[in-house]
C-alpha atoms as a PDB file:
ATOM      1  CA  MET A   1      12.382-174.271 -65.331  1.00  0.00           C
ATOM      2  CA  PRO A   2      12.528-177.998 -64.261  1.00  0.00           C
ATOM      3  CA  PRO A   3      15.735-179.117 -62.482  1.00  0.00           C
ATOM      4  CA  ASN A   4      16.939-181.238 -65.414  1.00  0.00           C
ATOM      5  CA  GLN A   5      16.661-178.234 -67.757  1.00  0.00           C
ATOM      6  CA  VAL A   6      18.675-176.048 -65.375  1.00  0.00           C
ATOM      7  CA  TRP A   7      21.452-178.640 -65.175  1.00  0.00           C
ATOM      8  CA  ARG A   8      21.560-179.080 -68.955  1.00  0.00           C
ATOM      9  CA  TRP A   9      21.694-175.338 -69.446  1.00  0.00           C
ATOM     10  CA  ALA A  10      24.438-174.967 -66.843  1.00  0.00           C
ATOM     11  CA  GLY A  11      26.593-177.598 -68.510  1.00  0.00           C
ATOM     12  CA  GLY A  12      25.873-180.262 -65.901  1.00  0.00           C
ATOM     13  CA  TYR A  13      25.604-182.941 -68.564  1.00  0.00           C
ATOM     14  CA  HIS A  14      29.023-182.066 -69.971  1.00  0.00           C
ATOM     15  CA  LEU A  15      30.625-181.928 -66.523  1.00  0.00           C
ATOM     16  CA  ALA A  16      29.093-185.283 -65.649  1.00  0.00           C
ATOM     17  CA  THR A  17      30.367-186.751 -68.923  1.00  0.00           C
ATOM     18  CA  LEU A  18      33.870-185.434 -68.254  1.00  0.00           C
ATOM     19  CA  PHE A  19      33.818-186.836 -64.717  1.00  0.00           C
ATOM     20  CA  LEU A  20      32.559-190.193 -65.998  1.00  0.00           C
ATOM     21  CA  GLY A  21      35.259-190.438 -68.664  1.00  0.00           C
ATOM     22  CA  LEU A  22      38.077-189.630 -66.244  1.00  0.00           C
ATOM     23  CA  ILE A  23      36.894-192.128 -63.646  1.00  0.00           C
ATOM     24  CA  LEU A  24      36.326-194.875 -66.235  1.00  0.00           C
ATOM     25  CA  LEU A  25      39.797-194.345 -67.694  1.00  0.00           C
ATOM     26  CA  THR A  26      41.319-194.471 -64.211  1.00  0.00           C
ATOM     27  CA  LEU A  27      39.406-197.654 -63.356  1.00  0.00           C
ATOM     28  CA  ALA A  28      40.389-199.332 -66.633  1.00  0.00           C
ATOM     29  CA  VAL A  29      44.085-198.610 -66.076  1.00  0.00           C
ATOM     30  CA  ILE A  30      44.011-199.755 -62.444  1.00  0.00           C
ATOM     31  CA  ASP A  31      42.207-202.996 -63.321  1.00  0.00           C
ATOM     32  CA  ALA A  32      44.465-203.709 -66.304  1.00  0.00           C
ATOM     33  CA  ARG A  33      47.572-203.298 -64.130  1.00  0.00           C
ATOM     34  CA  HIS A  34      46.441-204.659 -60.763  1.00  0.00           C
ATOM     35  CA  PHE A  35      43.259-206.725 -61.353  1.00  0.00           C
ATOM     36  CA  PHE A  36      41.431-204.498 -58.906  1.00  0.00           C
ATOM     37  CA  LEU A  37      38.588-201.970 -59.101  1.00  0.00           C
ATOM     38  CA  PRO A  38      38.691-199.861 -55.933  1.00  0.00           C
ATOM     39  CA  ASP A  39      35.497-199.087 -54.032  1.00  0.00           C
ATOM     40  CA  LEU A  40      36.860-195.572 -53.583  1.00  0.00           C
ATOM     41  CA  LEU A  41      36.050-195.008 -57.278  1.00  0.00           C
ATOM     42  CA  THR A  42      33.250-197.457 -58.092  1.00  0.00           C
ATOM     43  CA  LEU A  43      30.889-196.604 -55.226  1.00  0.00           C
ATOM     44  CA  PRO A  44      30.934-192.814 -55.795  1.00  0.00           C
ATOM     45  CA  LEU A  45      30.427-193.528 -59.502  1.00  0.00           C
ATOM     46  CA  ILE A  46      27.187-195.345 -58.632  1.00  0.00           C
ATOM     47  CA  LEU A  47      26.023-192.432 -56.485  1.00  0.00           C
ATOM     48  CA  MET A  48      26.935-189.918 -59.184  1.00  0.00           C
ATOM     49  CA  GLY A  49      24.941-191.960 -61.706  1.00  0.00           C
ATOM     50  CA  LEU A  50      21.879-191.781 -59.471  1.00  0.00           C
ATOM     51  CA  PHE A  51      22.416-188.033 -59.087  1.00  0.00           C
ATOM     52  CA  VAL A  52      22.709-187.627 -62.864  1.00  0.00           C
ATOM     53  CA  ALA A  53      19.508-189.622 -63.357  1.00  0.00           C
ATOM     54  CA  ALA A  54      17.667-187.488 -60.808  1.00  0.00           C
ATOM     55  CA  PHE A  55      18.721-184.108 -62.177  1.00  0.00           C
ATOM     56  CA  ILE A  56      20.136-184.434 -65.699  1.00  0.00           C
ATOM     57  CA  GLY A  57      18.931-187.585 -67.438  1.00  0.00           C
ATOM     58  CA  PRO A  58      18.924-189.418 -69.843  1.00  0.00           C
ATOM     59  CA  VAL A  59      16.984-191.919 -67.696  1.00  0.00           C
ATOM     60  CA  ASP A  60      14.674-191.503 -64.735  1.00  0.00           C
ATOM     61  CA  LEU A  61      15.755-192.243 -61.184  1.00  0.00           C
ATOM     62  CA  LEU A  62      13.732-195.472 -60.932  1.00  0.00           C
ATOM     63  CA  SER A  63      15.401-196.951 -64.034  1.00  0.00           C
ATOM     64  CA  ALA A  64      18.778-195.864 -62.677  1.00  0.00           C
ATOM     65  CA  ALA A  65      18.183-197.422 -59.249  1.00  0.00           C
ATOM     66  CA  LEU A  66      16.953-200.660 -60.839  1.00  0.00           C
ATOM     67  CA  GLY A  67      19.956-200.579 -63.153  1.00  0.00           C
ATOM     68  CA  ALA A  68      22.351-200.311 -60.229  1.00  0.00           C
ATOM     69  CA  MET A  69      20.689-203.187 -58.376  1.00  0.00           C
ATOM     70  CA  VAL A  70      20.341-205.449 -61.413  1.00  0.00           C
ATOM     71  CA  GLY A  71      23.869-204.684 -62.637  1.00  0.00           C
ATOM     72  CA  TYR A  72      25.401-205.534 -59.293  1.00  0.00           C
ATOM     73  CA  GLY A  73      23.185-208.540 -58.679  1.00  0.00           C
ATOM     74  CA  LEU A  74      23.835-210.059 -62.093  1.00  0.00           C
ATOM     75  CA  LEU A  75      27.634-210.057 -61.939  1.00  0.00           C
ATOM     76  CA  ALA A  76      27.746-210.776 -58.198  1.00  0.00           C
ATOM     77  CA  GLY A  77      25.525-213.806 -58.843  1.00  0.00           C
ATOM     78  CA  ILE A  78      27.786-215.000 -61.647  1.00  0.00           C
ATOM     79  CA  ALA A  79      30.863-214.510 -59.432  1.00  0.00           C
ATOM     80  CA  PHE A  80      29.209-216.456 -56.600  1.00  0.00           C
ATOM     81  CA  ALA A  81      28.161-219.309 -58.891  1.00  0.00           C
ATOM     82  CA  TYR A  82      31.600-219.513 -60.533  1.00  0.00           C
ATOM     83  CA  ARG A  83      33.342-219.602 -57.153  1.00  0.00           C
ATOM     84  CA  HIS A  84      31.075-222.435 -55.968  1.00  0.00           C
ATOM     85  CA  LEU A  85      31.313-224.440 -59.190  1.00  0.00           C
ATOM     86  CA  ARG A  86      35.027-224.013 -59.878  1.00  0.00           C
ATOM     87  CA  GLY A  87      36.373-223.515 -56.374  1.00  0.00           C
ATOM     88  CA  ARG A  88      38.276-220.335 -57.310  1.00  0.00           C
ATOM     89  CA  GLU A  89      37.658-216.683 -58.092  1.00  0.00           C
ATOM     90  CA  GLY A  90      36.688-215.937 -61.665  1.00  0.00           C
ATOM     91  CA  LEU A  91      35.044-212.537 -61.461  1.00  0.00           C
ATOM     92  CA  GLY A  92      35.548-209.851 -58.854  1.00  0.00           C
ATOM     93  CA  LEU A  93      32.883-207.839 -57.121  1.00  0.00           C
ATOM     94  CA  GLY A  94      34.563-204.693 -58.465  1.00  0.00           C
ATOM     95  CA  ASP A  95      33.257-205.729 -61.874  1.00  0.00           C
ATOM     96  CA  ALA A  96      29.774-206.047 -60.372  1.00  0.00           C
ATOM     97  CA  LYS A  97      30.058-202.550 -58.865  1.00  0.00           C
ATOM     98  CA  LEU A  98      31.238-201.125 -62.190  1.00  0.00           C
ATOM     99  CA  LEU A  99      28.262-202.693 -63.972  1.00  0.00           C
ATOM    100  CA  ALA A 100      26.045-201.286 -61.192  1.00  0.00           C
ATOM    101  CA  ALA A 101      27.481-197.855 -62.019  1.00  0.00           C
ATOM    102  CA  ALA A 102      26.644-198.362 -65.695  1.00  0.00           C
ATOM    103  CA  GLY A 103      23.100-199.240 -64.690  1.00  0.00           C
ATOM    104  CA  ALA A 104      22.904-196.164 -62.462  1.00  0.00           C
ATOM    105  CA  TRP A 105      24.059-193.863 -65.260  1.00  0.00           C
ATOM    106  CA  MET A 106      22.075-195.406 -68.141  1.00  0.00           C
ATOM    107  CA  GLY A 107      19.285-197.439 -66.549  1.00  0.00           C
ATOM    108  CA  TRP A 108      18.636-201.151 -66.451  1.00  0.00           C
ATOM    109  CA  GLN A 109      17.706-201.142 -70.139  1.00  0.00           C
ATOM    110  CA  ALA A 110      21.339-200.491 -71.132  1.00  0.00           C
ATOM    111  CA  LEU A 111      22.822-203.411 -69.189  1.00  0.00           C
ATOM    112  CA  PRO A 112      22.436-206.068 -71.920  1.00  0.00           C
ATOM    113  CA  TYR A 113      24.209-203.755 -74.372  1.00  0.00           C
ATOM    114  CA  VAL A 114      27.018-203.035 -71.904  1.00  0.00           C
ATOM    115  CA  LEU A 115      27.550-206.734 -71.227  1.00  0.00           C
ATOM    116  CA  LEU A 116      27.369-207.692 -74.892  1.00  0.00           C
ATOM    117  CA  LEU A 117      29.839-205.019 -75.968  1.00  0.00           C
ATOM    118  CA  ALA A 118      32.176-205.766 -73.029  1.00  0.00           C
ATOM    119  CA  SER A 119      32.106-209.492 -73.778  1.00  0.00           C
ATOM    120  CA  LEU A 120      32.770-208.951 -77.477  1.00  0.00           C
ATOM    121  CA  SER A 121      35.618-206.569 -76.629  1.00  0.00           C
ATOM    122  CA  GLY A 122      37.114-209.203 -74.336  1.00  0.00           C
ATOM    123  CA  LEU A 123      36.822-211.839 -77.055  1.00  0.00           C
ATOM    124  CA  PHE A 124      38.543-209.550 -79.567  1.00  0.00           C
ATOM    125  CA  TYR A 125      41.315-208.993 -77.023  1.00  0.00           C
ATOM    126  CA  VAL A 126      41.789-212.755 -76.624  1.00  0.00           C
ATOM    127  CA  LEU A 127      41.742-213.194 -80.404  1.00  0.00           C
ATOM    128  CA  GLY A 128      44.362-210.460 -80.748  1.00  0.00           C
ATOM    129  CA  GLN A 129      46.540-212.177 -78.155  1.00  0.00           C
ATOM    130  CA  ARG A 130      46.182-215.445 -80.025  1.00  0.00           C
ATOM    131  CA  LEU A 131      47.134-213.831 -83.326  1.00  0.00           C
ATOM    132  CA  ARG A 132      50.242-212.446 -81.610  1.00  0.00           C
ATOM    133  CA  GLY A 133      51.185-215.986 -80.593  1.00  0.00           C
ATOM    134  CA  HIS A 134      50.119-215.798 -76.945  1.00  0.00           C
ATOM    135  CA  HIS A 135      47.705-218.636 -76.280  1.00  0.00           C
ATOM    136  CA  LEU A 136      45.633-218.033 -73.188  1.00  0.00           C
ATOM    137  CA  GLY A 137      44.711-221.004 -71.038  1.00  0.00           C
ATOM    138  CA  ALA A 138      42.064-221.653 -68.430  1.00  0.00           C
ATOM    139  CA  GLY A 139      44.430-220.502 -65.692  1.00  0.00           C
ATOM    140  CA  ASP A 140      45.179-217.141 -67.311  1.00  0.00           C
ATOM    141  CA  ALA A 141      43.444-214.129 -65.801  1.00  0.00           C
ATOM    142  CA  ILE A 142      42.042-211.303 -67.910  1.00  0.00           C
ATOM    143  CA  PRO A 143      40.668-208.214 -66.197  1.00  0.00           C
ATOM    144  CA  PHE A 144      37.064-207.608 -67.268  1.00  0.00           C
ATOM    145  CA  GLY A 145      36.875-204.058 -65.870  1.00  0.00           C
ATOM    146  CA  PRO A 146      38.580-202.355 -68.838  1.00  0.00           C
ATOM    147  CA  PHE A 147      36.068-203.945 -71.206  1.00  0.00           C
ATOM    148  CA  ILE A 148      33.126-202.917 -69.033  1.00  0.00           C
ATOM    149  CA  ALA A 149      34.554-199.385 -68.766  1.00  0.00           C
ATOM    150  CA  LEU A 150      35.046-199.115 -72.542  1.00  0.00           C
ATOM    151  CA  SER A 151      31.538-200.385 -73.246  1.00  0.00           C
ATOM    152  CA  PHE A 152      30.027-198.125 -70.593  1.00  0.00           C
ATOM    153  CA  TRP A 153      31.819-195.090 -72.046  1.00  0.00           C
ATOM    154  CA  LEU A 154      30.894-195.809 -75.677  1.00  0.00           C
ATOM    155  CA  LEU A 155      27.273-196.465 -74.822  1.00  0.00           C
ATOM    156  CA  TRP A 156      27.072-193.326 -72.679  1.00  0.00           C
ATOM    157  CA  LEU A 157      28.383-191.270 -75.596  1.00  0.00           C
ATOM    158  CA  TYR A 158      26.677-192.988 -78.526  1.00  0.00           C
ATOM    159  CA  GLY A 159      24.160-195.527 -77.219  1.00  0.00           C
ATOM    160  CA  GLN A 160      21.078-193.356 -77.454  1.00  0.00           C
ATOM    161  CA  ARG A 161      21.954-192.446 -81.016  1.00  0.00           C
ATOM    162  CA  PHE A 162      22.113-196.108 -82.072  1.00  0.00           C
ATOM    163  CA  PHE A 163      19.633-197.809 -79.774  1.00  0.00           C
ATOM    164  CA  GLY A 164      17.200-195.042 -78.890  1.00  0.00           C
ATOM    165  CA  GLY A 165      16.600-194.188 -75.255  1.00  0.00           C
ATOM    166  CA  PHE A 166      17.746-196.713 -72.683  1.00  0.00           C
END
């Protein structure tokens, strides 16, 4: 029996999903309260995603490794460019590490969906704040981690059903 079949049979997929959900919830709460995504949680999440890809699926290890690199590089590049253009922080590297984790768990193919869903979620949040009478300005900070975590979680659970394999 191939390793991925053994893990699926032994409930490895379900354990991995439980672990992922708990860590994503923890990260979302920490970022929402403190504007911080700790390496103590994001880096092991990347490694666990690579482990899941190697032994459980749904993507192969190469797609997962590329996903981690592209996910990190994309948001780290945006953070670097924003800092140079605006002269202040606009996106933390914790967000880049969380997107790297999403890439490690679901492959590089899922990253556009994660970013699109996270961005739309953030826009709906801002719209909700506006409807409540709180107008956000250019100086207001909004943590992006909770939106990435929500998108990551929903796509892990339902993405293959709606978009096919990542």
